[in-house]
Amino acid sequence: MRKKVLNTQKNEQQKDIQNVVFMEHLSSGEFFLKDGKPPQPVLHDIGLSFQKGQVWGITGNSLFEIKLLAEIMANIKPYRSGKCVLIERGMMRHKRITLPHVFYIGSSEMLYNNMNVLEFLMFATVKLSGNKVEHQERVLEYLISIGLKRISLTPIYMLSREQKAVIIMLVAAYSESQLVVHNFPDYSFDDVLIDAMQQIAKLIIERGKTLVIATSTPELIEKVCSHILFLMNGNVFYQGTVRDFCREYDRIVLKIQDSNIEKMARTLRILLPCYQYSLEDNSLIVRTDQDVAVNPKHICNKIVEAGFEPARIEINPQKVKNAYEEIIRDYDL
């Protein structure tokens, strides 16, 4: 009998940590006011579910909406109606407290300016068990391995705000929190920092946590995140894997450059009317509808058969940036 009770408790604990973030019919306490119309919640009827071990990128057509959703998720801002559950723990709508199971990063000024990067990381992880000298060596080696050697001994006050945000993300990886929320939709991270964040995200997942990144940088989502949530006009437009998002919304097939690009476009519109053609930045962009089977090789053969020898043909690898831009274009955002 006792064994059965213990097993049941273990199963409940395992179940608890799988559902990390759950929202249902959630509306924000912030409103838009328009003349002659009733107040409209900035976020309305939000429904989402994030699981343990996932890395979610929250993005959309409004920096304010992206940031607000992440703040509600971390219990920084209250919400007006609906349901929000973190790690199987319901949140009171109007109670704003720091939750021990959530590591929220909403400011890059959480570091001590009188320390360098390595010193701060040692200070932030002082409670970790083990030999401190060996731990310092491991931390320095890790910074070097993820491409941050250049700033590892740099004073905090000399770092950019983006560099600081990445260092705090690494501190979160070493914390005991089960959910990390990195909320900087107005920051622009370069390739070096995105590569570092990719490695830190792997560390966060290896340590059994879930990571949520609020960002307007498509390249960051593509390289770091496993899943994406796209907000549009206060509601969830899409949520799912990054791969499926790109497959569904990046409809670009080819990018073609040639000195006679306009004539080529007119010819292809006649030969292959099932595709869409547009001239952008001195290139011919070939797009497809979702219902049309994509065959880049067939298009290339038709171009050659028509007597053209393009200077460059690029088969499009489906990207978050392209999908994002297609949505913005299609919905005139």
Protein backbone atom coordinates (compact mmCIF):
# COMPACT_ATOMS: atom_id res chain seq x y z
CA MET A 1 0.00 0.00 0.00
CA ARG A 2 2.78 2.40 0.94
CA LYS A 3 4.63 1.63 -2.28
CA LYS A 4 1.54 2.48 -4.30
CA VAL A 5 1.16 5.85 -2.54
CA LEU A 6 4.83 6.72 -3.17
CA ASN A 7 4.54 5.83 -6.86
CA THR A 8 1.42 7.97 -7.15
CA GLN A 9 3.24 10.92 -5.59
CA LYS A 10 6.16 10.44 -7.95
CA ASN A 11 3.85 10.35 -10.98
CA GLU A 12 2.13 13.54 -9.80
CA GLN A 13 5.49 15.29 -9.44
CA GLN A 14 6.51 14.21 -12.94
CA LYS A 15 3.19 15.46 -14.31
CA ASP A 16 3.53 18.80 -12.52
CA ILE A 17 6.79 19.78 -14.13
CA GLN A 18 5.68 18.95 -17.69
CA ASN A 19 3.11 21.76 -17.94
CA VAL A 20 5.20 24.87 -17.38
CA VAL A 21 3.01 27.69 -18.73
CA PHE A 22 -0.71 27.50 -19.44
CA MET A 23 -3.04 30.38 -20.35
CA GLU A 24 -6.70 30.20 -21.25
CA HIS A 25 -8.94 33.06 -22.45
CA LEU A 26 -6.57 35.55 -20.83
CA SER A 27 -7.07 39.29 -21.27
CA SER A 28 -4.73 42.02 -20.08
CA GLY A 29 -5.49 44.82 -17.66
CA GLU A 30 -4.13 47.35 -20.18
CA PHE A 31 -6.54 48.81 -22.74
CA PHE A 32 -6.53 50.73 -26.00
CA LEU A 33 -8.92 53.68 -26.10
CA LYS A 34 -10.41 54.71 -29.45
CA ASP A 35 -12.93 57.46 -30.09
CA GLY A 36 -16.49 56.19 -30.06
CA LYS A 37 -15.52 52.63 -29.20
CA PRO A 38 -15.45 50.72 -25.91
CA PRO A 39 -12.00 50.07 -24.36
CA GLN A 40 -10.20 47.16 -26.05
CA PRO A 41 -7.76 44.99 -24.04
CA VAL A 42 -4.24 45.13 -25.45
CA LEU A 43 -4.13 41.32 -25.15
CA HIS A 44 -7.39 39.41 -25.45
CA ASP A 45 -8.44 35.75 -25.43
CA ILE A 46 -4.86 34.53 -25.14
CA GLY A 47 -4.51 30.76 -25.07
CA LEU A 48 -1.17 28.96 -24.96
CA SER A 49 0.64 25.98 -23.49
CA PHE A 50 4.41 25.69 -23.01
CA GLN A 51 5.98 22.39 -21.98
CA LYS A 52 9.11 21.48 -20.06
CA GLY A 53 12.27 21.37 -22.16
CA GLN A 54 11.00 23.76 -24.84
CA VAL A 55 12.49 27.09 -25.90
CA TRP A 56 9.75 29.52 -26.95
CA GLY A 57 10.23 32.71 -28.89
CA ILE A 58 7.44 35.27 -28.44
CA THR A 59 7.25 37.77 -31.29
CA GLY A 60 4.68 39.70 -33.30
CA ASN A 61 3.79 43.05 -34.84
CA SER A 62 3.89 45.06 -31.59
CA LEU A 63 6.81 45.38 -29.17
CA PHE A 64 4.41 46.47 -26.43
CA GLU A 65 2.24 43.36 -26.81
CA ILE A 66 5.27 41.05 -26.83
CA LYS A 67 6.71 42.62 -23.68
CA LEU A 68 3.35 42.71 -21.89
CA LEU A 69 2.65 39.01 -22.46
CA ALA A 70 6.06 38.07 -21.07
CA GLU A 71 5.46 40.31 -18.04
CA ILE A 72 2.10 38.66 -17.33
CA MET A 73 3.72 35.26 -17.78
CA ALA A 74 6.33 36.09 -15.15
CA ASN A 75 3.72 37.56 -12.75
CA ILE A 76 5.21 41.06 -13.18
CA LYS A 77 1.94 42.49 -14.51
CA PRO A 78 -1.59 41.49 -13.42
CA TYR A 79 -4.17 40.32 -15.92
CA ARG A 80 -7.86 41.22 -16.09
CA SER A 81 -9.58 37.92 -16.86
CA GLY A 82 -8.97 34.34 -17.87
CA LYS A 83 -6.59 31.79 -16.45
CA CYS A 84 -2.82 31.63 -16.05
CA VAL A 85 -0.99 28.66 -14.53
CA LEU A 86 2.78 28.39 -14.01
CA ILE A 87 4.34 25.03 -13.11
CA GLU A 88 0.83 23.78 -12.24
CA ARG A 89 0.34 26.68 -9.82
CA GLY A 90 -2.55 29.04 -10.44
CA MET A 91 -1.77 32.77 -10.33
CA MET A 92 -4.06 35.30 -8.65
CA ARG A 93 -4.97 37.94 -11.22
CA HIS A 94 -4.04 40.97 -9.13
CA LYS A 95 -1.19 39.59 -7.04
CA ARG A 96 2.22 40.66 -8.31
CA ILE A 97 5.01 38.89 -6.45
CA THR A 98 8.37 37.43 -7.38
CA LEU A 99 7.88 33.73 -7.91
CA PRO A 100 10.73 31.45 -6.77
CA HIS A 101 10.19 29.05 -9.66
CA VAL A 102 10.44 31.84 -12.27
CA PHE A 103 13.64 33.69 -13.23
CA TYR A 104 12.49 36.89 -14.92
CA ILE A 105 14.97 39.02 -16.90
CA GLY A 106 13.40 42.32 -17.87
CA SER A 107 16.29 44.71 -17.28
CA SER A 108 19.95 44.62 -18.22
CA GLU A 109 20.81 46.67 -15.12
CA MET A 110 20.71 43.70 -12.75
CA LEU A 111 24.51 43.40 -12.72
CA TYR A 112 27.08 45.06 -10.46
CA ASN A 113 29.17 47.57 -12.39
CA ASN A 114 32.17 47.26 -10.04
CA MET A 115 32.81 43.66 -11.15
CA ASN A 116 33.97 42.12 -14.38
CA VAL A 117 31.95 39.38 -16.10
CA LEU A 118 33.79 36.42 -14.57
CA GLU A 119 33.69 37.95 -11.09
CA PHE A 120 29.96 38.54 -11.33
CA LEU A 121 29.27 34.99 -12.52
CA MET A 122 31.27 33.63 -9.59
CA PHE A 123 29.36 35.90 -7.21
CA ALA A 124 25.99 34.86 -8.67
CA THR A 125 26.81 31.13 -8.40
CA VAL A 126 28.56 31.23 -5.01
CA LYS A 127 26.05 28.80 -3.48
CA LEU A 128 26.86 26.03 -5.94
CA SER A 129 28.67 23.12 -4.31
CA GLY A 130 32.19 22.06 -5.26
CA ASN A 131 35.67 23.53 -5.40
CA LYS A 132 35.47 27.26 -6.12
CA VAL A 133 38.75 27.43 -8.04
CA GLU A 134 37.69 24.58 -10.32
CA HIS A 135 34.28 26.17 -10.76
CA GLN A 136 35.89 29.44 -11.82
CA GLU A 137 38.02 27.60 -14.37
CA ARG A 138 34.92 25.86 -15.74
CA VAL A 139 33.00 29.13 -16.01
CA LEU A 140 35.87 30.83 -17.85
CA GLU A 141 36.25 27.86 -20.20
CA TYR A 142 32.52 27.95 -20.85
CA LEU A 143 32.56 31.66 -21.69
CA ILE A 144 35.39 31.01 -24.14
CA SER A 145 33.59 28.02 -25.67
CA ILE A 146 30.43 30.02 -26.43
CA GLY A 147 32.34 32.89 -28.05
CA LEU A 148 32.41 35.35 -25.14
CA LYS A 149 36.15 35.25 -24.45
CA ARG A 150 36.48 38.90 -25.48
CA ILE A 151 34.21 40.11 -22.66
CA SER A 152 34.94 37.48 -20.00
CA LEU A 153 37.23 39.82 -18.03
CA THR A 154 35.57 43.07 -19.14
CA PRO A 155 34.13 45.36 -16.43
CA ILE A 156 30.34 45.22 -16.40
CA TYR A 157 29.97 48.97 -16.93
CA MET A 158 31.72 48.66 -20.30
CA LEU A 159 29.26 46.12 -21.70
CA SER A 160 26.42 46.95 -24.08
CA ARG A 161 22.89 46.38 -22.84
CA GLU A 162 22.62 43.32 -25.10
CA GLN A 163 25.82 41.80 -23.68
CA LYS A 164 24.51 42.34 -20.15
CA ALA A 165 21.23 40.64 -21.03
CA VAL A 166 23.12 37.57 -22.26
CA ILE A 167 25.24 37.38 -19.09
CA ILE A 168 22.08 37.49 -16.94
CA MET A 169 20.66 34.70 -19.08
CA LEU A 170 23.69 32.59 -18.15
CA VAL A 171 23.09 33.34 -14.46
CA ALA A 172 19.50 32.12 -14.92
CA ALA A 173 20.83 28.86 -16.34
CA TYR A 174 22.64 28.18 -13.06
CA SER A 175 19.63 29.11 -10.91
CA GLU A 176 17.10 26.74 -9.35
CA SER A 177 14.18 28.33 -11.22
CA GLN A 178 12.22 26.08 -13.56
CA LEU A 179 11.08 28.82 -15.95
CA VAL A 180 13.36 31.51 -17.42
CA VAL A 181 11.69 34.51 -19.09
CA HIS A 182 14.06 36.71 -21.13
CA ASN A 183 12.06 39.82 -22.04
CA PHE A 184 13.92 42.19 -24.40
CA PRO A 185 11.83 42.67 -27.58
CA ASP A 186 13.44 46.08 -28.16
CA TYR A 187 17.04 44.77 -28.04
CA SER A 188 19.01 43.88 -31.16
CA PHE A 189 21.38 40.94 -30.69
CA ASP A 190 24.27 40.42 -33.13
CA ASP A 191 25.44 37.07 -34.49
CA VAL A 192 28.06 36.59 -31.75
CA LEU A 193 25.51 37.04 -28.99
CA ILE A 194 22.89 34.92 -30.76
CA ASP A 195 25.43 32.08 -31.02
CA ALA A 196 26.17 32.45 -27.30
CA MET A 197 22.44 32.46 -26.47
CA GLN A 198 22.02 29.27 -28.49
CA GLN A 199 24.57 27.52 -26.28
CA ILE A 200 23.13 28.98 -23.06
CA ALA A 201 19.65 27.83 -24.12
CA LYS A 202 21.01 24.29 -24.49
CA LEU A 203 22.44 24.54 -20.96
CA ILE A 204 19.10 25.76 -19.63
CA ILE A 205 17.30 22.80 -21.20
CA GLU A 206 19.95 20.34 -20.01
CA ARG A 207 19.31 21.61 -16.47
CA GLY A 208 15.62 20.77 -16.77
CA LYS A 209 14.22 24.25 -17.32
CA THR A 210 11.98 25.94 -19.87
CA LEU A 211 13.10 29.12 -21.63
CA VAL A 212 10.87 31.89 -23.01
CA ILE A 213 12.47 34.65 -25.11
CA ALA A 214 10.47 37.77 -26.01
CA THR A 215 12.15 39.24 -29.09
CA SER A 216 11.63 41.02 -32.39
CA THR A 217 14.77 39.46 -33.90
CA PRO A 218 13.78 36.63 -36.28
CA GLU A 219 17.34 35.30 -36.47
CA LEU A 220 17.35 34.82 -32.70
CA ILE A 221 14.17 32.72 -32.82
CA GLU A 222 15.45 30.69 -35.76
CA LYS A 223 18.75 29.80 -34.12
CA VAL A 224 17.80 29.51 -30.44
CA CYS A 225 14.13 28.53 -30.18
CA SER A 226 12.33 25.24 -30.74
CA HIS A 227 8.88 26.89 -30.76
CA ILE A 228 7.39 30.24 -31.72
CA LEU A 229 4.33 32.21 -30.60
CA PHE A 230 3.33 35.02 -32.96
CA LEU A 231 1.07 37.77 -31.63
CA MET A 232 -1.02 39.83 -34.00
CA ASN A 233 -3.18 42.73 -32.86
CA GLY A 234 -3.46 41.44 -29.31
CA ASN A 235 -4.23 37.80 -30.05
CA VAL A 236 -2.31 34.61 -30.75
CA PHE A 237 -1.89 34.33 -34.51
CA TYR A 238 0.32 31.23 -34.43
CA GLN A 239 1.91 28.87 -31.93
CA GLY A 240 3.90 25.78 -32.77
CA THR A 241 7.35 24.64 -33.78
CA VAL A 242 9.70 27.02 -35.57
CA ARG A 243 10.07 24.50 -38.39
CA ASP A 244 6.31 24.28 -39.00
CA PHE A 245 5.99 28.07 -38.82
CA CYS A 246 8.58 28.47 -41.58
CA ARG A 247 6.98 25.75 -43.71
CA GLU A 248 3.57 27.38 -43.45
CA TYR A 249 4.42 31.05 -43.93
CA ASP A 250 7.73 31.28 -45.80
CA ARG A 251 6.39 30.87 -49.32
CA ILE A 252 9.50 32.08 -51.15
CA VAL A 253 10.85 29.40 -53.52
CA LEU A 254 13.62 31.14 -55.47
CA LYS A 255 15.52 34.42 -55.60
CA ILE A 256 16.88 35.16 -59.08
CA GLN A 257 19.33 37.86 -60.18
CA ASP A 258 19.90 38.74 -63.83
CA SER A 259 20.47 41.76 -66.05
CA ASN A 260 17.21 41.04 -67.93
CA ILE A 261 15.10 40.26 -64.86
CA GLU A 262 11.90 42.03 -65.96
CA LYS A 263 11.69 40.07 -69.23
CA MET A 264 12.31 36.85 -67.31
CA ALA A 265 9.46 37.70 -64.94
CA ARG A 266 7.05 38.30 -67.84
CA THR A 267 8.06 35.01 -69.45
CA LEU A 268 7.68 32.97 -66.24
CA ARG A 269 4.25 34.43 -65.56
CA ILE A 270 3.17 32.87 -68.87
CA LEU A 271 5.07 29.56 -68.54
CA LEU A 272 4.37 28.94 -64.85
CA PRO A 273 1.27 30.92 -63.81
CA CYS A 274 0.83 28.82 -60.67
CA TYR A 275 3.61 30.80 -58.97
CA GLN A 276 3.72 34.44 -57.90
CA TYR A 277 6.46 36.81 -59.09
CA SER A 278 7.67 40.12 -57.73
CA LEU A 279 10.70 42.35 -58.28
CA GLU A 280 12.40 43.23 -55.00
CA ASP A 281 15.87 44.73 -54.51
CA ASN A 282 16.91 43.98 -58.12
CA SER A 283 15.93 40.33 -57.69
CA LEU A 284 13.01 38.27 -58.98
CA ILE A 285 11.24 36.61 -56.06
CA VAL A 286 9.26 33.47 -56.88
CA ARG A 287 6.56 32.58 -54.35
CA THR A 288 4.07 29.77 -54.06
CA ASP A 289 0.64 29.36 -52.49
CA GLN A 290 0.29 26.72 -49.81
CA ASP A 291 -1.75 24.48 -52.14
CA VAL A 292 0.89 24.45 -54.90
CA ALA A 293 3.56 21.75 -54.89
CA VAL A 294 7.01 23.35 -54.87
CA ASN A 295 9.52 22.17 -57.49
CA PRO A 296 12.53 24.53 -57.72
CA LYS A 297 14.32 22.29 -60.23
CA HIS A 298 11.34 22.44 -62.59
CA ILE A 299 11.34 26.26 -62.44
CA CYS A 300 15.09 26.37 -63.17
CA ASN A 301 14.64 24.06 -66.16
CA LYS A 302 11.90 26.30 -67.56
CA ILE A 303 14.15 29.35 -67.19
CA VAL A 304 16.95 27.66 -69.16
CA GLU A 305 14.52 26.33 -71.80
CA ALA A 306 13.24 29.89 -72.30
CA GLY A 307 16.77 30.96 -73.23
CA PHE A 308 17.81 32.72 -70.04
CA GLU A 309 21.12 32.26 -68.24
CA PRO A 310 20.60 33.90 -64.82
CA ALA A 311 23.62 35.38 -63.06
CA ARG A 312 22.45 33.85 -59.79
CA ILE A 313 19.66 31.55 -58.60
CA GLU A 314 19.21 30.99 -54.87
CA ILE A 315 16.93 28.24 -53.60
CA ASN A 316 15.34 29.68 -50.48
CA PRO A 317 16.02 27.90 -47.19
CA GLN A 318 12.86 28.48 -45.19
CA LYS A 319 13.56 31.13 -42.56
CA VAL A 320 11.73 32.81 -39.69
CA LYS A 321 12.64 36.23 -41.12
CA ASN A 322 10.99 35.43 -44.46
CA ALA A 323 7.90 33.97 -42.77
CA TYR A 324 7.64 37.05 -40.54
CA GLU A 325 7.90 39.40 -43.51
CA GLU A 326 5.34 37.39 -45.49
CA ILE A 327 2.82 37.71 -42.66
CA ILE A 328 3.46 41.45 -42.34
CA ARG A 329 3.02 41.83 -46.10
CA ASP A 330 -0.10 39.67 -46.38
CA TYR A 331 -1.90 41.33 -43.48
CA ASP A 332 -0.65 44.85 -44.24
CA LEU A 333 0.73 45.31 -40.72
